PDB file of N, CA and C in Angstrom:
ATOM      1  N   UNK A   1      50.775 -41.723  11.863  1.00  0.00           N
ATOM      2  CA  UNK A   1      49.357 -41.385  13.308  1.00  0.00           C
ATOM      3  C   UNK A   1      49.429 -42.817  13.880  1.00  0.00           C
ATOM      4  N   UNK A   2      49.184 -43.548  12.852  1.00  0.00           N
ATOM      5  CA  UNK A   2      47.937 -44.686  13.508  1.00  0.00           C
ATOM      6  C   UNK A   2      48.900 -45.810  14.030  1.00  0.00           C
ATOM      7  N   UNK A   3      50.135 -45.872  13.856  1.00  0.00           N
ATOM      8  CA  UNK A   3      51.653 -45.946  15.250  1.00  0.00           C
ATOM      9  C   UNK A   3      51.489 -45.520  16.209  1.00  0.00           C
ATOM     10  N   UNK A   4      51.855 -44.520  16.006  1.00  0.00           N
ATOM     11  CA  UNK A   4      51.834 -43.339  17.141  1.00  0.00           C
ATOM     12  C   UNK A   4      50.600 -43.328  18.257  1.00  0.00           C
ATOM     13  N   UNK A   5      49.520 -43.633  17.454  1.00  0.00           N
ATOM     14  CA  UNK A   5      48.493 -43.839  18.779  1.00  0.00           C
ATOM     15  C   UNK A   5      48.159 -44.651  18.969  1.00  0.00           C
ATOM     16  N   UNK A   6      48.317 -46.342  18.776  1.00  0.00           N
ATOM     17  CA  UNK A   6      48.378 -47.608  18.871  1.00  0.00           C
ATOM     18  C   UNK A   6      49.743 -47.296  19.633  1.00  0.00           C
ATOM     19  N   UNK A   7      50.339 -47.077  19.693  1.00  0.00           N
ATOM     20  CA  UNK A   7      51.691 -47.679  21.061  1.00  0.00           C
ATOM     21  C   UNK A   7      51.249 -46.126  21.910  1.00  0.00           C
ATOM     22  N   UNK A   8      50.715 -45.249  21.593  1.00  0.00           N
ATOM     23  CA  UNK A   8      49.863 -44.411  22.440  1.00  0.00           C
ATOM     24  C   UNK A   8      49.767 -45.931  23.570  1.00  0.00           C
ATOM     25  N   UNK A   9      48.646 -45.878  23.052  1.00  0.00           N
ATOM     26  CA  UNK A   9      47.206 -46.903  23.228  1.00  0.00           C
ATOM     27  C   UNK A   9      47.841 -47.772  24.234  1.00  0.00           C
ATOM     28  N   UNK A  10      48.443 -49.005  22.947  1.00  0.00           N
ATOM     29  CA  UNK A  10      49.277 -49.531  24.495  1.00  0.00           C
ATOM     30  C   UNK A  10      50.000 -49.468  25.324  1.00  0.00           C
ATOM     31  N   UNK A  11      50.947 -48.486  25.519  1.00  0.00           N
ATOM     32  CA  UNK A  11      51.221 -48.119  26.669  1.00  0.00           C
ATOM     33  C   UNK A  11      50.697 -47.436  28.315  1.00  0.00           C
ATOM     34  N   UNK A  12      49.242 -46.800  27.458  1.00  0.00           N
ATOM     35  CA  UNK A  12      48.918 -46.555  28.325  1.00  0.00           C
ATOM     36  C   UNK A  12      47.280 -47.978  29.144  1.00  0.00           C
ATOM     37  N   UNK A  13      47.772 -49.015  28.439  1.00  0.00           N
ATOM     38  CA  UNK A  13      47.353 -50.624  28.861  1.00  0.00           C
ATOM     39  C   UNK A  13      47.909 -51.495  29.536  1.00  0.00           C
ATOM     40  N   UNK A  14      49.295 -50.993  29.477  1.00  0.00           N
ATOM     41  CA  UNK A  14      50.347 -51.413  30.184  1.00  0.00           C
ATOM     42  C   UNK A  14      50.845 -51.071  31.026  1.00  0.00           C
ATOM     43  N   UNK A  15      50.349 -49.873  31.371  1.00  0.00           N
ATOM     44  CA  UNK A  15      51.032 -48.561  32.618  1.00  0.00           C
ATOM     45  C   UNK A  15      50.654 -48.167  33.496  1.00  0.00           C
ATOM     46  N   UNK A  16      48.931 -48.192  32.391  1.00  0.00           N
ATOM     47  CA  UNK A  16      48.157 -46.665  32.779  1.00  0.00           C
ATOM     48  C   UNK A  16      47.436 -47.303  35.203  1.00  0.00           C
ATOM     49  N   UNK A  17      47.396 -48.686  34.233  1.00  0.00           N
ATOM     50  CA  UNK A  17      46.356 -49.108  35.875  1.00  0.00           C
ATOM     51  C   UNK A  17      47.962 -49.207  37.104  1.00  0.00           C
ATOM     52  N   UNK A  18      49.442 -49.018  37.119  1.00  0.00           N
ATOM     53  CA  UNK A  18      49.667 -48.593  37.720  1.00  0.00           C
ATOM     54  C   UNK A  18      49.459 -47.117  38.713  1.00  0.00           C
ATOM     55  N   UNK A  19      48.367 -46.617  38.002  1.00  0.00           N
ATOM     56  CA  UNK A  19      48.392 -44.746  38.686  1.00  0.00           C
ATOM     57  C   UNK A  19      47.416 -45.063  39.789  1.00  0.00           C
ATOM     58  N   UNK A  20      46.462 -46.128  39.948  1.00  0.00           N
ATOM     59  CA  UNK A  20      45.290 -47.032  40.596  1.00  0.00           C
ATOM     60  C   UNK A  20      45.549 -48.481  41.804  1.00  0.00           C
ATOM     61  N   UNK A  21      46.917 -48.674  41.614  1.00  0.00           N
ATOM     62  CA  UNK A  21      47.430 -50.167  42.113  1.00  0.00           C
ATOM     63  C   UNK A  21      46.460 -50.400  43.368  1.00  0.00           C
ATOM     64  N   UNK A  22      45.487 -50.104  43.970  1.00  0.00           N
ATOM     65  CA  UNK A  22      44.601 -50.327  44.634  1.00  0.00           C
ATOM     66  C   UNK A  22      43.454 -51.599  44.116  1.00  0.00           C
ATOM     67  N   UNK A  23      42.939 -51.141  42.835  1.00  0.00           N
ATOM     68  CA  UNK A  23      41.709 -51.773  42.217  1.00  0.00           C
ATOM     69  C   UNK A  23      42.304 -53.008  41.692  1.00  0.00           C
ATOM     70  N   UNK A  24      41.131 -53.889  41.900  1.00  0.00           N
ATOM     71  CA  UNK A  24      41.416 -55.569  41.695  1.00  0.00           C
ATOM     72  C   UNK A  24      42.254 -55.443  41.013  1.00  0.00           C
ATOM     73  N   UNK A  25      43.538 -56.909  40.516  1.00  0.00           N
ATOM     74  CA  UNK A  25      44.276 -56.718  39.376  1.00  0.00           C
ATOM     75  C   UNK A  25      43.569 -57.731  38.411  1.00  0.00           C
ATOM     76  N   UNK A  26      41.975 -58.499  38.185  1.00  0.00           N
ATOM     77  CA  UNK A  26      40.903 -58.761  37.474  1.00  0.00           C
ATOM     78  C   UNK A  26      40.459 -57.170  36.680  1.00  0.00           C
ATOM     79  N   UNK A  27      40.385 -55.986  37.128  1.00  0.00           N
ATOM     80  CA  UNK A  27      39.765 -55.073  36.813  1.00  0.00           C
ATOM     81  C   UNK A  27      40.674 -54.365  35.733  1.00  0.00           C
ATOM     82  N   UNK A  28      41.880 -54.668  36.059  1.00  0.00           N
ATOM     83  CA  UNK A  28      43.262 -53.977  35.895  1.00  0.00           C
ATOM     84  C   UNK A  28      43.471 -54.574  34.301  1.00  0.00           C
ATOM     85  N   UNK A  29      43.323 -56.159  34.515  1.00  0.00           N
ATOM     86  CA  UNK A  29      43.653 -57.034  33.031  1.00  0.00           C
ATOM     87  C   UNK A  29      42.651 -56.830  32.048  1.00  0.00           C
ATOM     88  N   UNK A  30      41.226 -56.519  32.357  1.00  0.00           N
ATOM     89  CA  UNK A  30      39.990 -56.784  31.586  1.00  0.00           C
ATOM     90  C   UNK A  30      40.094 -55.249  30.733  1.00  0.00           C
ATOM     91  N   UNK A  31      40.079 -54.347  31.645  1.00  0.00           N
ATOM     92  CA  UNK A  31      40.439 -52.574  30.909  1.00  0.00           C
ATOM     93  C   UNK A  31      41.756 -52.901  29.737  1.00  0.00           C
ATOM     94  N   UNK A  32      43.153 -53.438  30.073  1.00  0.00           N
ATOM     95  CA  UNK A  32      44.019 -53.308  29.400  1.00  0.00           C
ATOM     96  C   UNK A  32      43.419 -54.045  28.105  1.00  0.00           C
ATOM     97  N   UNK A  33      42.666 -55.388  27.878  1.00  0.00           N
ATOM     98  CA  UNK A  33      42.185 -56.110  27.219  1.00  0.00           C
ATOM     99  C   UNK A  33      41.399 -54.799  25.959  1.00  0.00           C
ATOM    100  N   UNK A  34      40.980 -54.238  26.815  1.00  0.00           N
ATOM    101  CA  UNK A  34      40.101 -53.646  26.113  1.00  0.00           C
ATOM    102  C   UNK A  34      41.022 -52.663  25.280  1.00  0.00           C
ATOM    103  N   UNK A  35      41.724 -52.186  25.627  1.00  0.00           N
ATOM    104  CA  UNK A  35      42.747 -50.876  24.670  1.00  0.00           C
ATOM    105  C   UNK A  35      43.568 -51.808  24.263  1.00  0.00           C
ATOM    106  N   UNK A  36      43.624 -53.192  24.544  1.00  0.00           N
ATOM    107  CA  UNK A  36      44.337 -53.298  23.792  1.00  0.00           C
ATOM    108  C   UNK A  36      43.698 -53.836  22.209  1.00  0.00           C
ATOM    109  N   UNK A  37      42.732 -54.505  22.061  1.00  0.00           N
ATOM    110  CA  UNK A  37      41.571 -54.527  20.753  1.00  0.00           C
ATOM    111  C   UNK A  37      41.273 -53.272  20.517  1.00  0.00           C
ATOM    112  N   UNK A  38      41.534 -52.010  20.655  1.00  0.00           N
ATOM    113  CA  UNK A  38      41.247 -50.930  19.557  1.00  0.00           C
ATOM    114  C   UNK A  38      42.731 -50.968  19.839  1.00  0.00           C
ATOM    115  N   UNK A  39      43.283 -50.340  20.237  1.00  0.00           N
ATOM    116  CA  UNK A  39      45.284 -50.929  19.784  1.00  0.00           C
ATOM    117  C   UNK A  39      45.678 -51.581  18.292  1.00  0.00           C
ATOM    118  N   UNK A  40      44.797 -53.178  18.742  1.00  0.00           N
ATOM    119  CA  UNK A  40      44.952 -53.562  17.068  1.00  0.00           C
ATOM    120  C   UNK A  40      43.690 -53.165  16.015  1.00  0.00           C
ATOM    121  N   UNK A  41      42.941 -52.894  16.292  1.00  0.00           N
ATOM    122  CA  UNK A  41      42.306 -51.757  15.196  1.00  0.00           C
ATOM    123  C   UNK A  41      43.024 -50.585  14.368  1.00  0.00           C
ATOM    124  N   UNK A  42      43.879 -50.344  15.668  1.00  0.00           N
ATOM    125  CA  UNK A  42      44.585 -48.761  15.134  1.00  0.00           C
ATOM    126  C   UNK A  42      45.826 -49.982  13.713  1.00  0.00           C
ATOM    127  N   UNK A  43      47.208 -50.612  14.563  1.00  0.00           N
ATOM    128  CA  UNK A  43      48.367 -51.487  14.391  1.00  0.00           C
ATOM    129  C   UNK A  43      47.509 -51.535  13.509  1.00  0.00           C
ATOM    130  N   UNK A  44      46.415 -52.650  13.261  1.00  0.00           N
ATOM    131  CA  UNK A  44      47.071 -53.937  12.081  1.00  0.00           C
ATOM    132  C   UNK A  44      47.016 -53.149  10.238  1.00  0.00           C
ATOM    133  N   UNK A  45      45.922 -52.234  10.494  1.00  0.00           N
ATOM    134  CA  UNK A  45      45.625 -50.863   9.074  1.00  0.00           C
ATOM    135  C   UNK A  45      47.477 -50.022   8.857  1.00  0.00           C
ATOM    136  N   UNK A  46      48.033 -50.164  10.084  1.00  0.00           N
ATOM    137  CA  UNK A  46      49.035 -49.151   9.391  1.00  0.00           C
ATOM    138  C   UNK A  46      49.822 -50.072   9.101  1.00  0.00           C
ATOM    139  N   UNK A  47      49.802 -51.110   9.388  1.00  0.00           N
ATOM    140  CA  UNK A  47      50.768 -52.013   9.080  1.00  0.00           C
ATOM    141  C   UNK A  47      50.887 -52.530   7.690  1.00  0.00           C
ATOM    142  N   UNK A  48      49.679 -52.618   7.796  1.00  0.00           N
ATOM    143  CA  UNK A  48      49.108 -52.974   6.064  1.00  0.00           C
ATOM    144  C   UNK A  48      49.453 -52.413   4.852  1.00  0.00           C
ATOM    145  N   UNK A  49      49.319 -50.310   5.645  1.00  0.00           N
ATOM    146  CA  UNK A  49      49.738 -49.286   4.487  1.00  0.00           C
ATOM    147  C   UNK A  49      51.133 -49.573   4.693  1.00  0.00           C
ATOM    148  N   UNK A  50      51.642 -49.680   5.997  1.00  0.00           N
ATOM    149  CA  UNK A  50      52.987 -49.280   5.712  1.00  0.00           C
ATOM    150  C   UNK A  50      53.619 -49.752   4.956  1.00  0.00           C
ATOM    151  N   UNK A  51      53.230 -51.128   5.007  1.00  0.00           N
ATOM    152  CA  UNK A  51      53.652 -52.053   4.196  1.00  0.00           C
ATOM    153  C   UNK A  51      53.851 -52.616   2.809  1.00  0.00           C
ATOM    154  N   UNK A  52      53.272 -51.059   2.045  1.00  0.00           N
ATOM    155  CA  UNK A  52      53.450 -50.552   1.060  1.00  0.00           C
ATOM    156  C   UNK A  52      54.876 -50.029   0.362  1.00  0.00           C
ATOM    157  N   UNK A  53      55.712 -49.647   1.982  1.00  0.00           N
ATOM    158  CA  UNK A  53      56.467 -49.012   1.477  1.00  0.00           C
ATOM    159  C   UNK A  53      58.008 -49.126   2.277  1.00  0.00           C
ATOM    160  N   UNK A  54      57.424 -49.780   3.483  1.00  0.00           N
ATOM    161  CA  UNK A  54      58.399 -50.360   3.629  1.00  0.00           C
ATOM    162  C   UNK A  54      59.312 -51.290   3.587  1.00  0.00           C
ATOM    163  N   UNK A  55      59.897 -52.706   4.356  1.00  0.00           N
ATOM    164  CA  UNK A  55      60.129 -53.225   4.601  1.00  0.00           C
ATOM    165  C   UNK A  55      59.796 -53.826   5.622  1.00  0.00           C
ATOM    166  N   UNK A  56      59.590 -55.126   6.425  1.00  0.00           N
ATOM    167  CA  UNK A  56      59.079 -55.940   7.494  1.00  0.00           C
ATOM    168  C   UNK A  56      59.943 -54.768   8.828  1.00  0.00           C
ATOM    169  N   UNK A  57      61.183 -55.019   8.144  1.00  0.00           N
ATOM    170  CA  UNK A  57      62.491 -55.235   9.699  1.00  0.00           C
ATOM    171  C   UNK A  57      62.435 -53.585  10.128  1.00  0.00           C
ATOM    172  N   UNK A  58      62.168 -52.788   9.112  1.00  0.00           N
ATOM    173  CA  UNK A  58      61.178 -51.239   9.313  1.00  0.00           C
ATOM    174  C   UNK A  58      60.127 -50.449  10.214  1.00  0.00           C
ATOM    175  N   UNK A  59      59.102 -52.283   9.722  1.00  0.00           N
ATOM    176  CA  UNK A  59      58.331 -52.044  10.658  1.00  0.00           C
ATOM    177  C   UNK A  59      58.298 -51.415  11.848  1.00  0.00           C
ATOM    178  N   UNK A  60      58.896 -53.067  12.241  1.00  0.00           N
ATOM    179  CA  UNK A  60      59.446 -53.660  13.101  1.00  0.00           C
ATOM    180  C   UNK A  60      60.275 -52.073  14.180  1.00  0.00           C
ATOM    181  N   UNK A  61      61.148 -51.724  13.389  1.00  0.00           N
ATOM    182  CA  UNK A  61      62.246 -51.076  13.688  1.00  0.00           C
ATOM    183  C   UNK A  61      61.279 -49.570  14.178  1.00  0.00           C
ATOM    184  N   UNK A  62      60.205 -48.673  13.362  1.00  0.00           N
ATOM    185  CA  UNK A  62      59.143 -47.871  13.102  1.00  0.00           C
ATOM    186  C   UNK A  62      58.368 -48.088  14.680  1.00  0.00           C
ATOM    187  N   UNK A  63      57.584 -49.344  14.453  1.00  0.00           N
ATOM    188  CA  UNK A  63      56.974 -50.020  16.155  1.00  0.00           C
ATOM    189  C   UNK A  63      58.285 -49.875  17.703  1.00  0.00           C
ATOM    190  N   UNK A  64      59.081 -50.118  17.242  1.00  0.00           N
ATOM    191  CA  UNK A  64      60.061 -50.262  18.702  1.00  0.00           C
ATOM    192  C   UNK A  64      60.287 -48.482  19.402  1.00  0.00           C
ATOM    193  N   UNK A  65      60.807 -47.850  17.673  1.00  0.00           N
ATOM    194  CA  UNK A  65      60.813 -46.378  18.107  1.00  0.00           C
ATOM    195  C   UNK A  65      59.646 -46.134  18.919  1.00  0.00           C
ATOM    196  N   UNK A  66      59.363 -46.082  18.214  1.00  0.00           N
ATOM    197  CA  UNK A  66      57.987 -45.000  18.892  1.00  0.00           C
ATOM    198  C   UNK A  66      56.842 -45.838  20.112  1.00  0.00           C
ATOM    199  N   UNK A  67      57.379 -47.073  20.163  1.00  0.00           N
ATOM    200  CA  UNK A  67      56.684 -47.514  21.568  1.00  0.00           C
ATOM    201  C   UNK A  67      57.724 -47.095  22.724  1.00  0.00           C
ATOM    202  N   UNK A  68      59.662 -47.031  22.713  1.00  0.00           N
ATOM    203  CA  UNK A  68      59.858 -46.453  23.089  1.00  0.00           C
ATOM    204  C   UNK A  68      59.842 -44.860  23.920  1.00  0.00           C
ATOM    205  N   UNK A  69      59.238 -44.027  22.519  1.00  0.00           N
ATOM    206  CA  UNK A  69      59.417 -42.017  23.101  1.00  0.00           C
ATOM    207  C   UNK A  69      57.560 -42.530  23.784  1.00  0.00           C
ATOM    208  N   UNK A  70      57.276 -43.210  23.641  1.00  0.00           N
ATOM    209  CA  UNK A  70      56.003 -42.726  24.166  1.00  0.00           C
ATOM    210  C   UNK A  70      56.021 -44.054  25.281  1.00  0.00           C
ATOM    211  N   UNK A  71      56.097 -44.308  25.376  1.00  0.00           N
ATOM    212  CA  UNK A  71      56.451 -45.331  27.022  1.00  0.00           C
ATOM    213  C   UNK A  71      57.414 -43.917  27.657  1.00  0.00           C
ATOM    214  N   UNK A  72      58.861 -43.424  27.009  1.00  0.00           N
ATOM    215  CA  UNK A  72      59.177 -42.261  27.686  1.00  0.00           C
ATOM    216  C   UNK A  72      58.457 -40.787  28.642  1.00  0.00           C
ATOM    217  N   UNK A  73      57.773 -40.522  27.775  1.00  0.00           N
ATOM    218  CA  UNK A  73      56.703 -39.506  27.710  1.00  0.00           C
ATOM    219  C   UNK A  73      55.496 -39.849  29.143  1.00  0.00           C
ATOM    220  N   UNK A  74      54.642 -41.147  28.398  1.00  0.00           N
ATOM    221  CA  UNK A  74      53.445 -41.469  29.462  1.00  0.00           C
ATOM    222  C   UNK A  74      54.839 -41.148  30.972  1.00  0.00           C
ATOM    223  N   UNK A  75      56.278 -41.775  30.926  1.00  0.00           N
ATOM    224  CA  UNK A  75      56.831 -42.347  32.615  1.00  0.00           C
ATOM    225  C   UNK A  75      57.612 -41.273  32.843  1.00  0.00           C
ATOM    226  N   UNK A  76      57.371 -39.891  31.968  1.00  0.00           N
ATOM    227  CA  UNK A  76      57.650 -38.330  32.679  1.00  0.00           C
ATOM    228  C   UNK A  76      57.052 -38.007  32.857  1.00  0.00           C
ATOM    229  N   UNK A  77      55.998 -37.623  32.103  1.00  0.00           N
ATOM    230  CA  UNK A  77      54.520 -37.327  32.242  1.00  0.00           C
ATOM    231  C   UNK A  77      52.669 -37.612  33.013  1.00  0.00           C
ATOM    232  N   UNK A  78      52.744 -38.979  32.462  1.00  0.00           N
ATOM    233  CA  UNK A  78      52.338 -39.361  33.577  1.00  0.00           C
ATOM    234  C   UNK A  78      52.105 -39.865  35.283  1.00  0.00           C
ATOM    235  N   UNK A  79      53.536 -40.255  35.421  1.00  0.00           N
ATOM    236  CA  UNK A  79      54.323 -40.729  36.539  1.00  0.00           C
ATOM    237  C   UNK A  79      55.560 -39.549  37.051  1.00  0.00           C
ATOM    238  N   UNK A  80      55.889 -39.174  35.845  1.00  0.00           N
ATOM    239  CA  UNK A  80      57.268 -37.910  36.952  1.00  0.00           C
ATOM    240  C   UNK A  80      58.297 -38.803  36.728  1.00  0.00           C
ATOM    241  N   UNK A  81      58.294 -39.492  36.072  1.00  0.00           N
ATOM    242  CA  UNK A  81      59.316 -39.734  36.069  1.00  0.00           C
ATOM    243  C   UNK A  81      61.020 -40.301  35.178  1.00  0.00           C
ATOM    244  N   UNK A  82      61.447 -38.880  35.483  1.00  0.00           N
ATOM    245  CA  UNK A  82      62.354 -38.594  33.808  1.00  0.00           C
ATOM    246  C   UNK A  82      63.274 -38.842  33.611  1.00  0.00           C
ATOM    247  N   UNK A  83      63.724 -38.907  32.652  1.00  0.00           N
ATOM    248  CA  UNK A  83      64.742 -40.365  32.031  1.00  0.00           C
ATOM    249  C   UNK A  83      65.598 -39.246  32.555  1.00  0.00           C
ATOM    250  N   UNK A  84      67.264 -40.703  33.229  1.00  0.00           N
ATOM    251  CA  UNK A  84      68.213 -40.470  33.381  1.00  0.00           C
ATOM    252  C   UNK A  84      68.776 -39.997  32.369  1.00  0.00           C
ATOM    253  N   UNK A  85      70.198 -39.794  32.295  1.00  0.00           N
ATOM    254  CA  UNK A  85      70.761 -39.780  31.162  1.00  0.00           C
ATOM    255  C   UNK A  85      71.642 -40.979  30.415  1.00  0.00           C
ATOM    256  N   UNK A  86      71.504 -42.182  31.205  1.00  0.00           N
ATOM    257  CA  UNK A  86      72.155 -43.372  31.458  1.00  0.00           C
ATOM    258  C   UNK A  86      70.527 -43.915  30.155  1.00  0.00           C
ATOM    259  N   UNK A  87      69.594 -43.632  30.896  1.00  0.00           N
ATOM    260  CA  UNK A  87      68.127 -44.096  29.909  1.00  0.00           C
ATOM    261  C   UNK A  87      68.781 -43.231  28.304  1.00  0.00           C
ATOM    262  N   UNK A  88      68.733 -41.778  28.686  1.00  0.00           N
ATOM    263  CA  UNK A  88      68.268 -41.267  27.592  1.00  0.00           C
ATOM    264  C   UNK A  88      69.575 -41.445  26.455  1.00  0.00           C
ATOM    265  N   UNK A  89      70.753 -42.182  27.500  1.00  0.00           N
ATOM    266  CA  UNK A  89      72.258 -42.978  26.055  1.00  0.00           C
ATOM    267  C   UNK A  89      71.442 -44.178  25.949  1.00  0.00           C
ATOM    268  N   UNK A  90      71.058 -44.546  26.291  1.00  0.00           N
ATOM    269  CA  UNK A  90      70.575 -45.909  26.085  1.00  0.00           C
ATOM    270  C   UNK A  90      68.983 -45.966  24.686  1.00  0.00           C
ATOM    271  N   UNK A  91      68.435 -45.151  24.973  1.00  0.00           N
ATOM    272  CA  UNK A  91      67.487 -44.400  24.245  1.00  0.00           C
ATOM    273  C   UNK A  91      68.439 -44.312  22.298  1.00  0.00           C
ATOM    274  N   UNK A  92      68.919 -43.256  22.640  1.00  0.00           N
ATOM    275  CA  UNK A  92      70.402 -42.533  21.615  1.00  0.00           C
ATOM    276  C   UNK A  92      71.010 -44.299  20.894  1.00  0.00           C
ATOM    277  N   UNK A  93      71.052 -45.187  21.500  1.00  0.00           N
ATOM    278  CA  UNK A  93      71.782 -46.616  21.517  1.00  0.00           C
ATOM    279  C   UNK A  93      70.642 -47.062  20.716  1.00  0.00           C
ATOM    280  N   UNK A  94      69.389 -46.656  21.121  1.00  0.00           N
ATOM    281  CA  UNK A  94      68.034 -47.395  19.851  1.00  0.00           C
ATOM    282  C   UNK A  94      67.773 -46.571  18.597  1.00  0.00           C
ATOM    283  N   UNK A  95      68.339 -45.299  18.930  1.00  0.00           N
ATOM    284  CA  UNK A  95      68.141 -45.211  17.715  1.00  0.00           C
ATOM    285  C   UNK A  95      69.239 -44.945  16.649  1.00  0.00           C
ATOM    286  N   UNK A  96      70.084 -45.133  17.042  1.00  0.00           N
ATOM    287  CA  UNK A  96      71.309 -45.509  16.411  1.00  0.00           C
ATOM    288  C   UNK A  96      71.296 -47.066  15.289  1.00  0.00           C
ATOM    289  N   UNK A  97      70.761 -47.795  16.106  1.00  0.00           N
ATOM    290  CA  UNK A  97      70.046 -49.285  15.667  1.00  0.00           C
ATOM    291  C   UNK A  97      69.226 -49.201  14.795  1.00  0.00           C
ATOM    292  N   UNK A  98      67.930 -48.451  14.775  1.00  0.00           N
ATOM    293  CA  UNK A  98      67.250 -47.777  14.223  1.00  0.00           C
ATOM    294  C   UNK A  98      67.849 -47.319  12.469  1.00  0.00           C
ATOM    295  N   UNK A  99      68.728 -46.422  12.705  1.00  0.00           N
ATOM    296  CA  UNK A  99      68.923 -45.490  11.541  1.00  0.00           C
ATOM    297  C   UNK A  99      70.297 -47.307  11.029  1.00  0.00           C
ATOM    298  N   UNK A 100      70.946 -47.700  11.287  1.00  0.00           N
ATOM    299  CA  UNK A 100      71.302 -48.972  10.591  1.00  0.00           C
ATOM    300  C   UNK A 100      70.473 -49.212  10.041  1.00  0.00           C
ATOM    301  N   UNK A 101      69.696 -50.196  10.666  1.00  0.00           N
ATOM    302  CA  UNK A 101      68.664 -50.897   9.988  1.00  0.00           C
ATOM    303  C   UNK A 101      68.213 -49.927   8.535  1.00  0.00           C
ATOM    304  N   UNK A 102      67.714 -48.543   9.007  1.00  0.00           N
ATOM    305  CA  UNK A 102      67.524 -47.923   7.000  1.00  0.00           C
ATOM    306  C   UNK A 102      68.327 -47.976   6.874  1.00  0.00           C
ATOM    307  N   UNK A 103      69.524 -47.468   6.490  1.00  0.00           N
ATOM    308  CA  UNK A 103      70.788 -47.186   6.191  1.00  0.00           C
ATOM    309  C   UNK A 103      70.586 -48.463   4.808  1.00  0.00           C
ATOM    310  N   UNK A 104      70.212 -49.632   5.269  1.00  0.00           N
ATOM    311  CA  UNK A 104      70.354 -50.410   3.957  1.00  0.00           C
ATOM    312  C   UNK A 104      69.087 -51.734   3.341  1.00  0.00           C
ATOM    313  N   UNK A 105      68.991 -51.606   3.167  1.00  0.00           N
ATOM    314  CA  UNK A 105      67.801 -51.573   1.935  1.00  0.00           C
ATOM    315  C   UNK A 105      67.475 -53.627   1.327  1.00  0.00           C
TER     316      UNK A 105
END
């Protein structure tokens, strides 16, 4: 749950400012850094806890999968950009890669 929360916060930090493009860039940077600090408060303990059960490549794979998933949801619900079939196919390949990483310890 902490990794999912951290990825949601980070996607907001990276892309949320695009909803208000007329705001000053320095303000977007400042707000994004503030969100990133909160995101680190979630991700660092999550990785520490997760390292007891998963290898480092598995933890990174979980993080990448969650980042891509929260990005798709944010792009769709916040920006109204529904994923195309090609994009969904690309994400399916990411899932296949994740399955490959988890298939062998």
